């Protein structure tokens, strides 16, 4: 019997999610996107409707994944679809390493070679991207995006909807607030308040919301 996966979001991130779904045994992949009906395909996969269409039939799918990069929007859509009966789970690349002592929330995706070490806790609707490392005892709230090659040392806390850029390094026990953006390649040595954007080596504030 075919396992069916619905993906909301027909961009580049959605393509990676589609491959993850296939690698996890989902043979029937269907996209939904608000660009439909202007957009009807993502590579070889069909775009079958917009969000409204998905909401009307989401209970038919064995798994639903929100493949949208904006953290706040992704979380809001997951809540909306869950109320409509959508099934969410953890979708992890076979080369990712997730400790049996870690906890990963529903709707989270983990890309190739991502590492989640013991007693780390990752919330719902997070993205842990290619080659990212989440060390022991880290805590990531809902809707966090960890970009490719980012490294979080032990005990780091990351607030809801924060985005840590590609290749950034976070010192152990640092607390990163809600809605924070950390620039690519930055080294974070100190706590970051809510809604700050920081960048540099060491990271310094650029702006706040």
Protein backbone atom coordinates (compact mmCIF):
# COMPACT_ATOMS: atom_id res chain seq x y z
CA UNK A 1 0.00 0.00 0.00
CA UNK A 2 1.36 3.41 -1.00
CA UNK A 3 2.25 5.90 1.72
CA UNK A 4 0.99 9.37 0.82
CA UNK A 5 2.75 12.62 1.71
CA UNK A 6 1.34 16.12 1.20
CA UNK A 7 3.83 18.98 1.02
CA UNK A 8 2.65 22.58 1.41
CA UNK A 9 5.18 24.84 -0.29
CA UNK A 10 6.45 24.36 -3.85
CA UNK A 11 9.84 26.08 -3.56
CA UNK A 12 13.38 24.78 -3.27
CA UNK A 13 12.91 23.66 0.32
CA UNK A 14 9.91 21.63 -0.81
CA UNK A 15 12.07 19.72 -3.29
CA UNK A 16 14.41 18.63 -0.50
CA UNK A 17 11.45 17.64 1.67
CA UNK A 18 10.08 15.55 -1.21
CA UNK A 19 13.33 13.58 -1.40
CA UNK A 20 13.31 13.13 2.38
CA UNK A 21 9.78 11.74 2.13
CA UNK A 22 10.83 9.28 -0.59
CA UNK A 23 13.83 8.16 1.47
CA UNK A 24 11.41 7.52 4.34
CA UNK A 25 9.16 5.28 2.27
CA UNK A 26 6.55 7.74 0.98
CA UNK A 27 5.99 6.83 -2.68
CA UNK A 28 3.05 9.16 -3.40
CA UNK A 29 4.18 12.80 -3.11
CA UNK A 30 1.73 15.64 -3.78
CA UNK A 31 2.47 19.36 -3.56
CA UNK A 32 0.13 22.18 -2.62
CA UNK A 33 0.95 25.87 -3.03
CA UNK A 34 -0.93 29.15 -3.26
CA UNK A 35 0.72 29.75 -6.67
CA UNK A 36 -1.61 27.06 -8.06
CA UNK A 37 -3.14 26.89 -10.71
CA UNK A 38 -0.44 29.00 -12.37
CA UNK A 39 2.12 26.47 -11.10
CA UNK A 40 1.11 22.85 -11.68
CA UNK A 41 4.40 20.98 -11.19
CA UNK A 42 7.52 20.94 -9.03
CA UNK A 43 10.00 18.98 -11.12
CA UNK A 44 8.28 15.58 -11.59
CA UNK A 45 5.72 16.11 -8.80
CA UNK A 46 2.24 17.54 -9.31
CA UNK A 47 0.93 20.65 -7.55
CA UNK A 48 -2.66 19.58 -6.88
CA UNK A 49 -4.07 22.74 -5.34
CA UNK A 50 -3.59 25.59 -2.88
CA UNK A 51 -3.85 25.63 0.91
CA UNK A 52 -7.64 25.67 0.77
CA UNK A 53 -7.66 22.48 -1.32
CA UNK A 54 -5.23 20.79 1.06
CA UNK A 55 -7.37 21.71 4.06
CA UNK A 56 -10.35 20.00 2.44
CA UNK A 57 -8.55 16.67 1.96
CA UNK A 58 -5.62 16.66 4.39
CA UNK A 59 -6.95 13.66 6.36
CA UNK A 60 -6.31 11.51 3.27
CA UNK A 61 -2.53 11.83 3.66
CA UNK A 62 -0.31 9.71 5.90
CA UNK A 63 2.02 12.67 6.46
CA UNK A 64 1.83 16.43 5.91
CA UNK A 65 4.94 18.62 5.81
CA UNK A 66 5.04 22.44 5.72
CA UNK A 67 7.94 23.27 3.39
CA UNK A 68 7.98 27.03 3.94
CA UNK A 69 11.07 28.85 5.13
CA UNK A 70 9.36 31.65 7.08
CA UNK A 71 9.31 30.38 10.65
CA UNK A 72 6.20 32.17 11.90
CA UNK A 73 4.17 31.24 8.82
CA UNK A 74 5.31 27.61 9.00
CA UNK A 75 4.21 27.28 12.62
CA UNK A 76 0.86 28.98 12.00
CA UNK A 77 0.13 26.71 9.04
CA UNK A 78 1.00 23.61 11.03
CA UNK A 79 -1.44 24.62 13.77
CA UNK A 80 -4.16 25.33 11.19
CA UNK A 81 -3.68 22.05 9.34
CA UNK A 82 -3.49 20.05 12.55
CA UNK A 83 -6.96 21.34 13.49
CA UNK A 84 -8.17 20.04 10.11
CA UNK A 85 -6.83 16.56 10.88
CA UNK A 86 -3.37 16.64 9.31
CA UNK A 87 -0.84 14.07 10.52
CA UNK A 88 2.60 15.42 11.37
CA UNK A 89 5.76 13.57 12.30
CA UNK A 90 9.56 13.87 12.20
CA UNK A 91 11.09 13.57 8.74
CA UNK A 92 14.81 12.81 8.92
CA UNK A 93 17.38 12.03 6.24
CA UNK A 94 18.86 8.51 6.67
CA UNK A 95 22.33 10.00 7.19
CA UNK A 96 21.18 12.24 10.06
CA UNK A 97 22.05 11.12 13.59
CA UNK A 98 19.42 11.60 16.28
CA UNK A 99 20.26 10.36 19.75
CA UNK A 100 17.75 8.00 21.32
CA UNK A 101 17.94 10.33 24.33
CA UNK A 102 16.97 13.41 22.29
CA UNK A 103 13.42 14.67 21.77
CA UNK A 104 12.29 16.03 18.39
CA UNK A 105 8.86 17.62 17.88
CA UNK A 106 6.27 16.94 15.19
CA UNK A 107 6.65 18.71 11.86
CA UNK A 108 10.42 19.02 12.20
CA UNK A 109 12.69 18.05 9.31
CA UNK A 110 16.34 17.05 9.59
CA UNK A 111 18.54 17.15 6.50
CA UNK A 112 21.54 15.07 5.45
CA UNK A 113 24.25 14.63 8.11
CA UNK A 114 22.43 16.68 10.72
CA UNK A 115 23.38 15.62 14.27
CA UNK A 116 21.19 15.88 17.37
CA UNK A 117 23.04 14.70 20.45
CA UNK A 118 21.78 13.29 23.78
CA UNK A 119 19.18 15.19 25.79
CA UNK A 120 18.73 17.88 23.19
CA UNK A 121 15.11 19.02 22.81
CA UNK A 122 13.79 20.33 19.50
CA UNK A 123 10.31 21.81 19.21
CA UNK A 124 7.64 21.46 16.56
CA UNK A 125 8.01 22.69 12.98
CA UNK A 126 11.77 23.21 13.12
CA UNK A 127 14.34 22.86 10.32
CA UNK A 128 17.74 21.36 11.13
CA UNK A 129 19.60 21.74 7.88
CA UNK A 130 22.47 19.91 6.18
CA UNK A 131 25.52 19.23 8.40
CA UNK A 132 24.10 21.21 11.33
CA UNK A 133 25.09 20.04 14.82
CA UNK A 134 22.82 20.35 17.86
CA UNK A 135 24.91 19.33 20.86
CA UNK A 136 23.86 17.78 24.16
CA UNK A 137 21.24 19.55 26.29
CA UNK A 138 20.39 22.19 23.69
CA UNK A 139 16.77 23.39 23.70
CA UNK A 140 15.16 24.70 20.50
CA UNK A 141 11.66 26.16 20.70
CA UNK A 142 9.02 25.77 17.99
CA UNK A 143 9.71 27.14 14.52
CA UNK A 144 13.50 27.43 14.79
CA UNK A 145 15.59 27.16 11.59
CA UNK A 146 19.18 26.00 11.94
CA UNK A 147 20.94 26.59 8.61
CA UNK A 148 23.51 24.31 6.91
CA UNK A 149 26.77 23.86 8.75
CA UNK A 150 25.70 25.68 11.92
CA UNK A 151 27.10 24.34 15.20
CA UNK A 152 25.39 24.73 18.57
CA UNK A 153 27.61 23.76 21.52
CA UNK A 154 26.18 22.10 24.63
CA UNK A 155 23.31 23.70 26.53
CA UNK A 156 22.42 26.39 24.00
CA UNK A 157 18.82 27.64 24.11
CA UNK A 158 17.12 29.08 21.03
CA UNK A 159 13.80 30.93 21.24
CA UNK A 160 10.73 30.52 19.07
CA UNK A 161 10.96 31.49 15.37
CA UNK A 162 14.69 32.26 15.45
CA UNK A 163 16.88 31.70 12.40
CA UNK A 164 20.56 30.81 12.72
CA UNK A 165 22.43 31.45 9.48
CA UNK A 166 24.68 29.15 7.49
CA UNK A 167 27.94 28.20 9.18
CA UNK A 168 27.35 30.11 12.41
CA UNK A 169 28.88 28.95 15.69
CA UNK A 170 27.13 29.28 19.04
CA UNK A 171 29.16 29.04 22.27
CA UNK A 172 27.99 26.65 24.99
CA UNK A 173 25.20 27.79 27.34
CA UNK A 174 24.33 30.86 25.26
CA UNK A 175 20.64 31.84 25.33
CA UNK A 176 19.21 33.14 22.06
CA UNK A 177 15.86 34.93 22.31
CA UNK A 178 12.62 34.81 20.33
CA UNK A 179 12.67 35.88 16.67
CA UNK A 180 16.44 36.33 16.53
CA UNK A 181 18.40 36.28 13.26
CA UNK A 182 22.07 35.25 13.38
CA UNK A 183 24.02 36.14 10.24
CA UNK A 184 25.93 33.65 8.14
CA UNK A 185 29.33 32.66 9.53
CA UNK A 186 28.81 34.51 12.81
CA UNK A 187 30.31 33.45 16.14
CA UNK A 188 27.93 34.03 19.05
CA UNK A 189 29.65 34.29 22.42
CA UNK A 190 26.97 36.01 24.52
CA UNK A 191 23.20 35.87 25.03
CA UNK A 192 21.01 37.59 22.41
CA UNK A 193 17.78 39.39 23.41
CA UNK A 194 14.48 38.81 21.62
CA UNK A 195 14.15 40.03 18.01
CA UNK A 196 17.75 41.14 17.55
CA UNK A 197 19.65 40.59 14.32
CA UNK A 198 23.34 39.95 14.94
CA UNK A 199 26.33 39.19 12.72
CA UNK A 200 30.10 39.07 12.78
CA UNK A 201 32.96 37.35 14.54
CA UNK A 202 32.25 37.86 17.35
CA UNK A 203 28.59 38.60 16.62
CA UNK A 204 27.40 42.15 17.26
CA UNK A 205 23.89 43.64 17.04
CA UNK A 206 22.83 45.14 13.71
CA UNK A 207 19.21 45.98 14.45
CA UNK A 208 16.22 45.06 16.55
CA UNK A 209 12.54 44.66 15.63
